[in-house]
Amino acid sequence: MHILIVSSLFIFFAYAVYALILEVSTSYKTFKKLNGLSDTQKRSYFIGDLYKFATKCNTIIPENSNILFLGNISNNQFSFDLLLNYYLYPRKLYWLNNVAPYPESPPELKELDQTFLNKRNIEWVIFRYPEEYGVNMLVKLESGNPVQSFNIDR
């Protein structure tokens, strides 16, 4: 009985040490890649074009704006909209509804519910769809009508 317990503990600790060694080697390789990079370059390395997109949005959209996010993010490995919400703060980000917040294809601006836009005082709309749709832009609204649009390269 004692041999069974000792051998189980040995297997457990051997596996724990093996996992620790793998984690340390992965961390060291990542450290070597990122050593000397600025914070902006590190963010771009980890989250890709999201950070560049958010930076461009920050330069165009004023800080006190309300924004409607329209995008199809089902393919992403992380929650694009929550990260975008983080990087766009203090701007307020809205979604269409809780049931189907991400339309499969880009809707037309005239299809959007004007009462929804007016009730929340939404001044900007972000369209962010996969490359097959070719939509990656910001649209400025005034009283529910588009006034200005900005195409953002991927």
C-alpha atoms as a PDB file:
ATOM      1  CA  MET A   1       0.000   0.000   0.000  1.00  0.00           C
ATOM      2  CA  HIS A   2       2.830   2.376   0.886  1.00  0.00           C
ATOM      3  CA  ILE A   3       4.570   1.674  -2.415  1.00  0.00           C
ATOM      4  CA  LEU A   4       1.398   2.627  -4.301  1.00  0.00           C
ATOM      5  CA  ILE A   5       1.129   5.953  -2.454  1.00  0.00           C
ATOM      6  CA  VAL A   6       4.839   6.756  -2.886  1.00  0.00           C
ATOM      7  CA  SER A   7       4.787   5.874  -6.584  1.00  0.00           C
ATOM      8  CA  SER A   8       1.641   7.983  -7.113  1.00  0.00           C
ATOM      9  CA  LEU A   9       3.278  10.937  -5.379  1.00  0.00           C
ATOM     10  CA  PHE A  10       6.438  10.467  -7.452  1.00  0.00           C
ATOM     11  CA  ILE A  11       4.428  10.452 -10.700  1.00  0.00           C
ATOM     12  CA  PHE A  12       2.498  13.535  -9.598  1.00  0.00           C
ATOM     13  CA  PHE A  13       5.636  15.509  -8.705  1.00  0.00           C
ATOM     14  CA  ALA A  14       7.471  14.366 -11.834  1.00  0.00           C
ATOM     15  CA  TYR A  15       4.599  15.617 -13.992  1.00  0.00           C
ATOM     16  CA  ALA A  16       4.460  18.912 -12.037  1.00  0.00           C
ATOM     17  CA  VAL A  17       8.198  19.472 -12.531  1.00  0.00           C
ATOM     18  CA  TYR A  18       7.899  18.641 -16.252  1.00  0.00           C
ATOM     19  CA  ALA A  19       5.028  21.141 -16.669  1.00  0.00           C
ATOM     20  CA  LEU A  20       6.992  23.776 -14.746  1.00  0.00           C
ATOM     21  CA  ILE A  21      10.039  23.308 -16.983  1.00  0.00           C
ATOM     22  CA  LEU A  22       7.877  23.678 -20.116  1.00  0.00           C
ATOM     23  CA  GLU A  23       6.252  26.826 -18.735  1.00  0.00           C
ATOM     24  CA  VAL A  24       9.603  28.379 -17.810  1.00  0.00           C
ATOM     25  CA  SER A  25      11.053  27.651 -21.259  1.00  0.00           C
ATOM     26  CA  THR A  26       7.989  29.153 -22.988  1.00  0.00           C
ATOM     27  CA  SER A  27       8.157  32.235 -20.760  1.00  0.00           C
ATOM     28  CA  TYR A  28      11.865  32.643 -21.465  1.00  0.00           C
ATOM     29  CA  LYS A  29      11.323  32.409 -25.248  1.00  0.00           C
ATOM     30  CA  THR A  30       8.544  35.027 -25.038  1.00  0.00           C
ATOM     31  CA  PHE A  31      10.750  37.251 -22.889  1.00  0.00           C
ATOM     32  CA  LYS A  32      13.560  37.046 -25.464  1.00  0.00           C
ATOM     33  CA  LYS A  33      11.149  37.994 -28.282  1.00  0.00           C
ATOM     34  CA  LEU A  34       9.675  40.951 -26.406  1.00  0.00           C
ATOM     35  CA  ASN A  35      12.817  42.205 -24.680  1.00  0.00           C
ATOM     36  CA  GLY A  36      13.499  45.771 -25.730  1.00  0.00           C
ATOM     37  CA  LEU A  37      10.111  46.397 -27.346  1.00  0.00           C
ATOM     38  CA  SER A  38       7.965  49.321 -26.252  1.00  0.00           C
ATOM     39  CA  ASP A  39       4.578  48.762 -24.587  1.00  0.00           C
ATOM     40  CA  THR A  40       2.821  49.621 -27.838  1.00  0.00           C
ATOM     41  CA  GLN A  41       4.874  47.073 -29.773  1.00  0.00           C
ATOM     42  CA  LYS A  42       4.150  44.428 -27.129  1.00  0.00           C
ATOM     43  CA  ARG A  43       0.402  45.088 -27.343  1.00  0.00           C
ATOM     44  CA  SER A  44       0.549  44.883 -31.123  1.00  0.00           C
ATOM     45  CA  TYR A  45       2.444  41.580 -30.875  1.00  0.00           C
ATOM     46  CA  PHE A  46      -0.169  39.959 -28.638  1.00  0.00           C
ATOM     47  CA  ILE A  47      -3.466  41.336 -29.966  1.00  0.00           C
ATOM     48  CA  GLY A  48      -2.501  42.202 -33.524  1.00  0.00           C
ATOM     49  CA  ASP A  49      -4.408  44.764 -35.514  1.00  0.00           C
ATOM     50  CA  LEU A  50      -6.963  45.317 -32.741  1.00  0.00           C
ATOM     51  CA  TYR A  51      -4.601  47.686 -30.955  1.00  0.00           C
ATOM     52  CA  LYS A  52      -3.807  49.563 -34.170  1.00  0.00           C
ATOM     53  CA  PHE A  53      -7.531  49.800 -34.949  1.00  0.00           C
ATOM     54  CA  ALA A  54      -8.325  51.094 -31.441  1.00  0.00           C
ATOM     55  CA  THR A  55      -5.517  53.650 -31.673  1.00  0.00           C
ATOM     56  CA  LYS A  56      -6.905  54.980 -34.964  1.00  0.00           C
ATOM     57  CA  CYS A  57     -10.397  55.105 -33.446  1.00  0.00           C
ATOM     58  CA  ASN A  58      -9.023  57.066 -30.482  1.00  0.00           C
ATOM     59  CA  THR A  59      -7.488  59.664 -32.779  1.00  0.00           C
ATOM     60  CA  ILE A  60     -10.736  60.132 -34.754  1.00  0.00           C
ATOM     61  CA  ILE A  61     -13.513  59.732 -32.172  1.00  0.00           C
ATOM     62  CA  PRO A  62     -13.812  62.325 -29.360  1.00  0.00           C
ATOM     63  CA  GLU A  63     -13.610  61.047 -25.774  1.00  0.00           C
ATOM     64  CA  ASN A  64     -17.177  61.927 -24.778  1.00  0.00           C
ATOM     65  CA  SER A  65     -18.801  60.003 -27.651  1.00  0.00           C
ATOM     66  CA  ASN A  66     -21.292  57.147 -27.636  1.00  0.00           C
ATOM     67  CA  ILE A  67     -20.475  54.431 -30.166  1.00  0.00           C
ATOM     68  CA  LEU A  68     -22.478  51.588 -31.708  1.00  0.00           C
ATOM     69  CA  PHE A  69     -20.344  48.543 -32.495  1.00  0.00           C
ATOM     70  CA  LEU A  70     -21.405  46.427 -35.469  1.00  0.00           C
ATOM     71  CA  GLY A  71     -19.215  43.473 -36.231  1.00  0.00           C
ATOM     72  CA  ASN A  72     -19.030  39.754 -36.695  1.00  0.00           C
ATOM     73  CA  ILE A  73     -16.512  38.507 -34.183  1.00  0.00           C
ATOM     74  CA  SER A  74     -17.520  34.867 -33.999  1.00  0.00           C
ATOM     75  CA  ASN A  75     -14.247  33.771 -35.666  1.00  0.00           C
ATOM     76  CA  ASN A  76     -11.953  35.444 -33.146  1.00  0.00           C
ATOM     77  CA  GLN A  77     -10.211  33.538 -30.379  1.00  0.00           C
ATOM     78  CA  PHE A  78     -10.794  36.347 -27.889  1.00  0.00           C
ATOM     79  CA  SER A  79     -13.589  38.776 -27.247  1.00  0.00           C
ATOM     80  CA  PHE A  80     -12.784  41.564 -29.699  1.00  0.00           C
ATOM     81  CA  ASP A  81     -15.606  43.813 -28.534  1.00  0.00           C
ATOM     82  CA  LEU A  82     -14.552  43.735 -24.876  1.00  0.00           C
ATOM     83  CA  LEU A  83     -10.936  44.520 -25.723  1.00  0.00           C
ATOM     84  CA  LEU A  84     -12.073  47.318 -28.013  1.00  0.00           C
ATOM     85  CA  ASN A  85     -14.297  48.630 -25.224  1.00  0.00           C
ATOM     86  CA  TYR A  86     -11.236  48.637 -22.931  1.00  0.00           C
ATOM     87  CA  TYR A  87      -9.044  50.537 -25.390  1.00  0.00           C
ATOM     88  CA  LEU A  88     -11.740  53.048 -26.333  1.00  0.00           C
ATOM     89  CA  TYR A  89     -12.517  54.057 -22.747  1.00  0.00           C
ATOM     90  CA  PRO A  90     -13.910  56.666 -21.740  1.00  0.00           C
ATOM     91  CA  ARG A  91     -15.997  56.436 -24.904  1.00  0.00           C
ATOM     92  CA  LYS A  92     -19.151  54.378 -24.340  1.00  0.00           C
ATOM     93  CA  LEU A  93     -19.594  51.325 -26.569  1.00  0.00           C
ATOM     94  CA  TYR A  94     -23.079  49.932 -27.350  1.00  0.00           C
ATOM     95  CA  TRP A  95     -24.268  46.776 -29.102  1.00  0.00           C
ATOM     96  CA  LEU A  96     -27.558  46.253 -30.931  1.00  0.00           C
ATOM     97  CA  ASN A  97     -29.161  43.889 -28.423  1.00  0.00           C
ATOM     98  CA  ASN A  98     -28.316  41.017 -26.123  1.00  0.00           C
ATOM     99  CA  VAL A  99     -29.987  38.312 -28.209  1.00  0.00           C
ATOM    100  CA  ALA A 100     -28.071  38.847 -31.456  1.00  0.00           C
ATOM    101  CA  PRO A 101     -25.542  41.634 -30.878  1.00  0.00           C
ATOM    102  CA  TYR A 102     -23.351  40.703 -33.838  1.00  0.00           C
ATOM    103  CA  PRO A 103     -25.082  40.664 -37.228  1.00  0.00           C
ATOM    104  CA  GLU A 104     -23.653  38.113 -39.660  1.00  0.00           C
ATOM    105  CA  SER A 105     -23.252  40.655 -42.467  1.00  0.00           C
ATOM    106  CA  PRO A 106     -22.901  44.437 -42.291  1.00  0.00           C
ATOM    107  CA  PRO A 107     -26.308  46.128 -42.072  1.00  0.00           C
ATOM    108  CA  GLU A 108     -27.133  49.322 -43.923  1.00  0.00           C
ATOM    109  CA  LEU A 109     -27.213  52.453 -41.781  1.00  0.00           C
ATOM    110  CA  LYS A 110     -30.813  53.143 -42.853  1.00  0.00           C
ATOM    111  CA  GLU A 111     -31.784  49.709 -41.439  1.00  0.00           C
ATOM    112  CA  LEU A 112     -30.720  50.686 -37.900  1.00  0.00           C
ATOM    113  CA  ASP A 113     -33.413  51.526 -35.377  1.00  0.00           C
ATOM    114  CA  GLN A 114     -33.449  55.327 -35.111  1.00  0.00           C
ATOM    115  CA  THR A 115     -35.095  55.268 -31.672  1.00  0.00           C
ATOM    116  CA  PHE A 116     -32.266  53.019 -30.430  1.00  0.00           C
ATOM    117  CA  LEU A 117     -29.684  55.501 -31.764  1.00  0.00           C
ATOM    118  CA  ASN A 118     -31.472  58.600 -30.471  1.00  0.00           C
ATOM    119  CA  LYS A 119     -32.276  57.134 -27.046  1.00  0.00           C
ATOM    120  CA  ARG A 120     -28.601  56.385 -26.412  1.00  0.00           C
ATOM    121  CA  ASN A 121     -27.334  59.533 -28.158  1.00  0.00           C
ATOM    122  CA  ILE A 122     -25.104  57.465 -30.457  1.00  0.00           C
ATOM    123  CA  GLU A 123     -22.853  59.685 -32.555  1.00  0.00           C
ATOM    124  CA  TRP A 124     -20.528  57.090 -34.110  1.00  0.00           C
ATOM    125  CA  VAL A 125     -20.885  53.616 -35.619  1.00  0.00           C
ATOM    126  CA  ILE A 126     -17.973  51.181 -35.883  1.00  0.00           C
ATOM    127  CA  PHE A 127     -18.226  48.567 -38.630  1.00  0.00           C
ATOM    128  CA  ARG A 128     -15.733  45.753 -38.114  1.00  0.00           C
ATOM    129  CA  TYR A 129     -16.269  42.659 -40.244  1.00  0.00           C
ATOM    130  CA  PRO A 130     -13.984  39.935 -41.595  1.00  0.00           C
ATOM    131  CA  GLU A 131     -12.042  40.613 -44.759  1.00  0.00           C
ATOM    132  CA  GLU A 132     -14.552  38.835 -47.017  1.00  0.00           C
ATOM    133  CA  TYR A 133     -16.959  41.754 -46.452  1.00  0.00           C
ATOM    134  CA  GLY A 134     -14.242  44.372 -46.746  1.00  0.00           C
ATOM    135  CA  VAL A 135     -15.868  46.569 -44.098  1.00  0.00           C
ATOM    136  CA  ASN A 136     -13.614  48.214 -41.555  1.00  0.00           C
ATOM    137  CA  MET A 137     -14.800  51.769 -41.005  1.00  0.00           C
ATOM    138  CA  LEU A 138     -16.117  54.459 -38.697  1.00  0.00           C
ATOM    139  CA  VAL A 139     -19.211  56.502 -39.496  1.00  0.00           C
ATOM    140  CA  LYS A 140     -20.118  59.773 -37.789  1.00  0.00           C
ATOM    141  CA  LEU A 141     -23.849  60.314 -37.309  1.00  0.00           C
ATOM    142  CA  GLU A 142     -25.854  63.457 -36.755  1.00  0.00           C
ATOM    143  CA  SER A 143     -29.507  62.907 -35.832  1.00  0.00           C
ATOM    144  CA  GLY A 144     -29.273  59.333 -37.147  1.00  0.00           C
ATOM    145  CA  ASN A 145     -27.866  60.239 -40.578  1.00  0.00           C
ATOM    146  CA  PRO A 146     -24.301  59.607 -41.738  1.00  0.00           C
ATOM    147  CA  VAL A 147     -22.251  62.775 -42.019  1.00  0.00           C
ATOM    148  CA  GLN A 148     -18.717  61.497 -42.382  1.00  0.00           C
ATOM    149  CA  SER A 149     -17.033  58.108 -42.765  1.00  0.00           C
ATOM    150  CA  PHE A 150     -13.499  56.858 -42.316  1.00  0.00           C
ATOM    151  CA  ASN A 151     -12.216  53.642 -43.913  1.00  0.00           C
ATOM    152  CA  ILE A 152      -9.496  52.060 -41.820  1.00  0.00           C
ATOM    153  CA  ASP A 153      -6.978  49.738 -43.448  1.00  0.00           C
ATOM    154  CA  ARG A 154      -6.311  46.358 -41.887  1.00  0.00           C
END
